[in-house]
Amino acid sequence: FSALKGLAELKGLGIFILAIALTNLAQFMMHSVWVRYTETRFLWTPKDNGVALFAVGMSAAIVQGGLLGVLIKKFGEVSIAKVGLFFATLEFLLFGLAPQGFYLYIIMAFCILANAAGPALQAHVSRCVPAHKQGIAMGSLSSIGSIAQVLAPFMGLTLLSKYSHAPGALQTVQAGIPFFGSALLQFIAFALALIYFAREARGEVAN
């Protein structure tokens, strides 16, 4: 928490930092419910989840380890952040709507650019913050991620427990409410980022 004090020194980035915080929370909520959700909704085995999580990791590696640098160089981190946030919102929503487990793979492939959102947002912060405040900025973002990791399981698993155990819930989209919660958080982050980028384009943001 002490590292969060550094946020006060990042003037003009408040709304943008909030967008990153909500993105982290949405992502960690999905992580916290994934295995329990697929076990109860699709009757997946540990092997099924292992294969799926391997696919998740590979999609992130493809984008963040290969495509991201090229995409940012060609389109800029602002455009990539916008695209990534849009696809991240869509991905969470579609995960919650998926009627069968194999649809999750299709959704991951279609929304693969969702993996670009977080790194593009952090790249923009790094570019906007003066060199002498880089440590403060990265430390604060790391602290935000840590807090999100603490809150996300409580939020996600509470929603999953509440709605997946209702009579007939597993046969309806009601069971996907934790993912809809992530989609809502991600949508708010998307909207906040758009507001920030619009203000920045008008020269209203002072770094």
Protein backbone atom coordinates (compact mmCIF):
# COMPACT_ATOMS: atom_id res chain seq x y z
CA PHE A 1 0.00 0.00 0.00
CA SER A 2 2.87 2.38 0.71
CA ALA A 3 3.92 2.14 -2.93
CA LEU A 4 0.52 3.54 -3.91
CA LYS A 5 1.55 6.88 -2.42
CA GLY A 6 3.56 7.37 -5.59
CA LEU A 7 0.33 7.75 -7.55
CA ALA A 8 -0.01 11.27 -6.15
CA GLU A 9 3.13 12.20 -8.08
CA LEU A 10 1.74 10.96 -11.41
CA LYS A 11 -0.33 14.03 -12.09
CA GLY A 12 -2.80 13.82 -14.95
CA LEU A 13 -2.75 10.03 -15.09
CA GLY A 14 -5.38 9.34 -12.43
CA ILE A 15 -8.18 8.21 -14.74
CA PHE A 16 -5.72 6.16 -16.78
CA ILE A 17 -4.32 4.40 -13.70
CA LEU A 18 -7.89 3.58 -12.67
CA ALA A 19 -8.45 2.00 -16.08
CA ILE A 20 -5.37 -0.18 -15.56
CA ALA A 21 -6.56 -1.14 -12.08
CA LEU A 22 -9.97 -2.24 -13.39
CA THR A 23 -8.31 -4.17 -16.21
CA ASN A 24 -6.17 -6.04 -13.69
CA LEU A 25 -9.16 -6.77 -11.49
CA ALA A 26 -11.20 -8.08 -14.43
CA GLN A 27 -8.34 -10.33 -15.56
CA PHE A 28 -7.66 -11.77 -12.12
CA MET A 29 -11.38 -12.37 -11.56
CA MET A 30 -11.39 -14.57 -14.65
CA HIS A 31 -8.28 -16.40 -13.43
CA SER A 32 -9.85 -17.05 -10.03
CA VAL A 33 -13.05 -18.67 -11.36
CA TRP A 34 -11.82 -20.38 -14.51
CA VAL A 35 -11.11 -23.89 -13.22
CA ARG A 36 -14.08 -24.08 -10.86
CA TYR A 37 -16.38 -22.68 -13.55
CA THR A 38 -15.31 -25.10 -16.29
CA GLU A 39 -15.45 -28.05 -13.88
CA THR A 40 -19.04 -27.30 -12.90
CA ARG A 41 -20.40 -25.91 -16.16
CA PHE A 42 -18.68 -28.14 -18.73
CA LEU A 43 -17.55 -31.04 -16.50
CA TRP A 44 -13.95 -30.46 -17.53
CA THR A 45 -11.22 -32.63 -16.04
CA PRO A 46 -7.86 -31.35 -14.77
CA LYS A 47 -6.40 -32.40 -18.14
CA ASP A 48 -9.03 -30.37 -20.01
CA ASN A 49 -8.18 -27.32 -17.93
CA GLY A 50 -4.46 -27.91 -18.36
CA VAL A 51 -4.83 -27.90 -22.15
CA ALA A 52 -7.05 -24.81 -22.06
CA LEU A 53 -4.71 -22.86 -19.78
CA PHE A 54 -1.80 -23.86 -22.01
CA ALA A 55 -3.74 -22.34 -24.92
CA VAL A 56 -4.33 -19.18 -22.87
CA GLY A 57 -0.62 -18.92 -22.14
CA MET A 58 0.35 -19.53 -25.76
CA SER A 59 -2.05 -16.89 -27.06
CA ALA A 60 -0.54 -14.38 -24.61
CA ALA A 61 2.99 -15.39 -25.65
CA ILE A 62 2.18 -15.02 -29.35
CA VAL A 63 0.85 -11.50 -28.88
CA GLN A 64 3.10 -10.16 -26.12
CA GLY A 65 6.26 -11.96 -27.15
CA GLY A 66 5.92 -11.65 -30.91
CA LEU A 67 3.26 -9.38 -32.34
CA LEU A 68 3.07 -6.59 -29.77
CA GLY A 69 6.31 -4.83 -30.64
CA VAL A 70 5.46 -4.83 -34.34
CA LEU A 71 1.89 -3.66 -33.74
CA ILE A 72 2.91 -0.82 -31.42
CA LYS A 73 5.62 0.30 -33.83
CA LYS A 74 3.12 0.36 -36.71
CA PHE A 75 -0.01 1.66 -34.99
CA GLY A 76 1.18 3.15 -31.68
CA GLU A 77 0.36 2.02 -28.14
CA VAL A 78 -2.78 4.19 -28.00
CA SER A 79 -4.46 2.40 -30.91
CA ILE A 80 -3.31 -1.02 -29.69
CA ALA A 81 -4.53 -0.25 -26.16
CA LYS A 82 -7.96 0.67 -27.52
CA VAL A 83 -8.18 -2.47 -29.65
CA GLY A 84 -6.92 -4.64 -26.81
CA LEU A 85 -9.43 -3.24 -24.33
CA PHE A 86 -12.28 -3.72 -26.79
CA PHE A 87 -11.39 -7.35 -27.44
CA ALA A 88 -10.80 -8.01 -23.73
CA THR A 89 -14.32 -6.76 -22.97
CA LEU A 90 -15.76 -8.87 -25.77
CA GLU A 91 -13.78 -11.94 -24.70
CA PHE A 92 -15.11 -11.88 -21.12
CA LEU A 93 -18.66 -11.40 -22.37
CA LEU A 94 -18.41 -14.29 -24.83
CA PHE A 95 -16.81 -16.57 -22.21
CA GLY A 96 -19.90 -16.09 -20.07
CA LEU A 97 -22.22 -16.81 -22.98
CA ALA A 98 -20.39 -19.91 -24.26
CA PRO A 99 -22.84 -22.87 -24.23
CA GLN A 100 -20.13 -25.54 -24.55
CA GLY A 101 -16.49 -25.79 -23.57
CA PHE A 102 -14.97 -25.94 -27.06
CA TYR A 103 -16.36 -22.47 -27.76
CA LEU A 104 -13.78 -21.09 -25.32
CA TYR A 105 -11.00 -21.97 -27.76
CA ILE A 106 -12.80 -20.20 -30.61
CA ILE A 107 -13.29 -17.13 -28.44
CA MET A 108 -9.62 -17.11 -27.40
CA ALA A 109 -8.53 -17.24 -31.04
CA PHE A 110 -10.98 -14.57 -32.19
CA CYS A 111 -10.12 -12.22 -29.31
CA ILE A 112 -6.38 -12.91 -29.25
CA LEU A 113 -5.58 -9.18 -29.34
CA ALA A 114 -7.11 -8.89 -25.87
CA ASN A 115 -3.64 -9.95 -24.70
CA ALA A 116 -2.25 -6.66 -25.99
CA ALA A 117 -4.31 -4.45 -23.67
CA GLY A 118 -2.26 -4.65 -20.46
CA PRO A 119 1.21 -4.27 -22.00
CA ALA A 120 0.05 -1.43 -24.26
CA LEU A 121 -1.43 0.44 -21.30
CA GLN A 122 1.78 0.05 -19.31
CA ALA A 123 3.86 1.11 -22.31
CA HIS A 124 1.82 4.30 -22.53
CA VAL A 125 2.36 5.04 -18.85
CA SER A 126 6.09 4.48 -19.28
CA ARG A 127 6.19 6.87 -22.24
CA CYS A 128 4.22 9.58 -20.45
CA VAL A 129 6.08 9.50 -17.14
CA PRO A 130 9.41 11.40 -16.82
CA ALA A 131 12.54 9.29 -16.44
CA HIS A 132 13.00 10.18 -12.77
CA LYS A 133 9.49 8.93 -11.95
CA GLN A 134 9.63 5.62 -13.84
CA GLY A 135 10.36 3.64 -10.67
CA ILE A 136 7.45 5.28 -8.87
CA ALA A 137 5.11 4.56 -11.76
CA MET A 138 6.08 0.91 -12.18
CA GLY A 139 6.04 0.31 -8.43
CA SER A 140 2.58 1.81 -8.14
CA LEU A 141 1.26 -0.28 -11.03
CA SER A 142 2.76 -3.41 -9.47
CA SER A 143 1.04 -2.58 -6.18
CA ILE A 144 -2.28 -2.11 -7.95
CA GLY A 145 -1.85 -5.53 -9.55
CA SER A 146 -1.11 -7.10 -6.16
CA ILE A 147 -4.23 -5.57 -4.60
CA ALA A 148 -6.30 -6.79 -7.57
CA GLN A 149 -4.96 -10.31 -7.01
CA VAL A 150 -6.20 -10.17 -3.42
CA LEU A 151 -9.66 -8.80 -4.23
CA ALA A 152 -10.38 -10.78 -7.40
CA PRO A 153 -10.82 -14.28 -5.90
CA PHE A 154 -13.19 -12.95 -3.25
CA MET A 155 -15.29 -11.14 -5.87
CA GLY A 156 -15.19 -13.78 -8.59
CA LEU A 157 -15.72 -16.86 -6.44
CA THR A 158 -18.47 -15.14 -4.46
CA LEU A 159 -20.37 -14.47 -7.68
CA LEU A 160 -19.72 -18.00 -8.93
CA SER A 161 -20.91 -19.55 -5.68
CA LYS A 162 -24.03 -17.40 -5.54
CA TYR A 163 -25.23 -17.88 -9.11
CA SER A 164 -23.91 -21.27 -10.22
CA HIS A 165 -25.63 -23.10 -7.34
CA ALA A 166 -29.10 -21.79 -8.14
CA PRO A 167 -31.50 -24.47 -9.50
CA GLY A 168 -30.88 -24.96 -13.22
CA ALA A 169 -28.19 -22.27 -13.32
CA LEU A 170 -25.60 -24.43 -15.04
CA GLN A 171 -27.92 -24.87 -18.02
CA THR A 172 -28.30 -21.11 -18.52
CA VAL A 173 -26.05 -18.09 -19.03
CA GLN A 174 -26.67 -17.23 -15.38
CA ALA A 175 -23.66 -19.38 -14.49
CA GLY A 176 -21.48 -17.01 -16.53
CA ILE A 177 -22.18 -14.01 -14.28
CA PRO A 178 -18.57 -13.88 -12.95
CA PHE A 179 -17.40 -13.40 -16.53
CA PHE A 180 -20.07 -10.77 -17.09
CA GLY A 181 -18.73 -9.02 -14.01
CA SER A 182 -15.26 -9.06 -15.56
CA ALA A 183 -16.71 -7.77 -18.83
CA LEU A 184 -18.37 -4.88 -16.98
CA LEU A 185 -15.14 -3.93 -15.22
CA GLN A 186 -13.27 -4.16 -18.51
CA PHE A 187 -15.88 -2.04 -20.30
CA ILE A 188 -15.57 0.68 -17.66
CA ALA A 189 -11.78 0.54 -18.06
CA PHE A 190 -12.23 0.83 -21.84
CA ALA A 191 -14.48 3.87 -21.43
CA LEU A 192 -12.08 5.55 -19.00
CA ALA A 193 -9.15 4.94 -21.33
CA LEU A 194 -11.07 6.46 -24.24
CA ILE A 195 -11.84 9.54 -22.14
CA TYR A 196 -8.19 9.86 -21.15
CA PHE A 197 -6.91 9.45 -24.72
CA ALA A 198 -9.42 12.05 -25.95
CA ARG A 199 -8.26 14.51 -23.28
CA GLU A 200 -4.65 13.78 -24.12
CA ALA A 201 -5.27 14.41 -27.82
CA ARG A 202 -6.77 17.80 -26.94
CA GLY A 203 -3.70 18.64 -24.86
CA GLU A 204 -5.63 18.64 -21.58
CA VAL A 205 -3.39 16.11 -19.84
CA ALA A 206 -0.33 17.42 -18.04
CA ASN A 207 2.32 14.82 -17.21
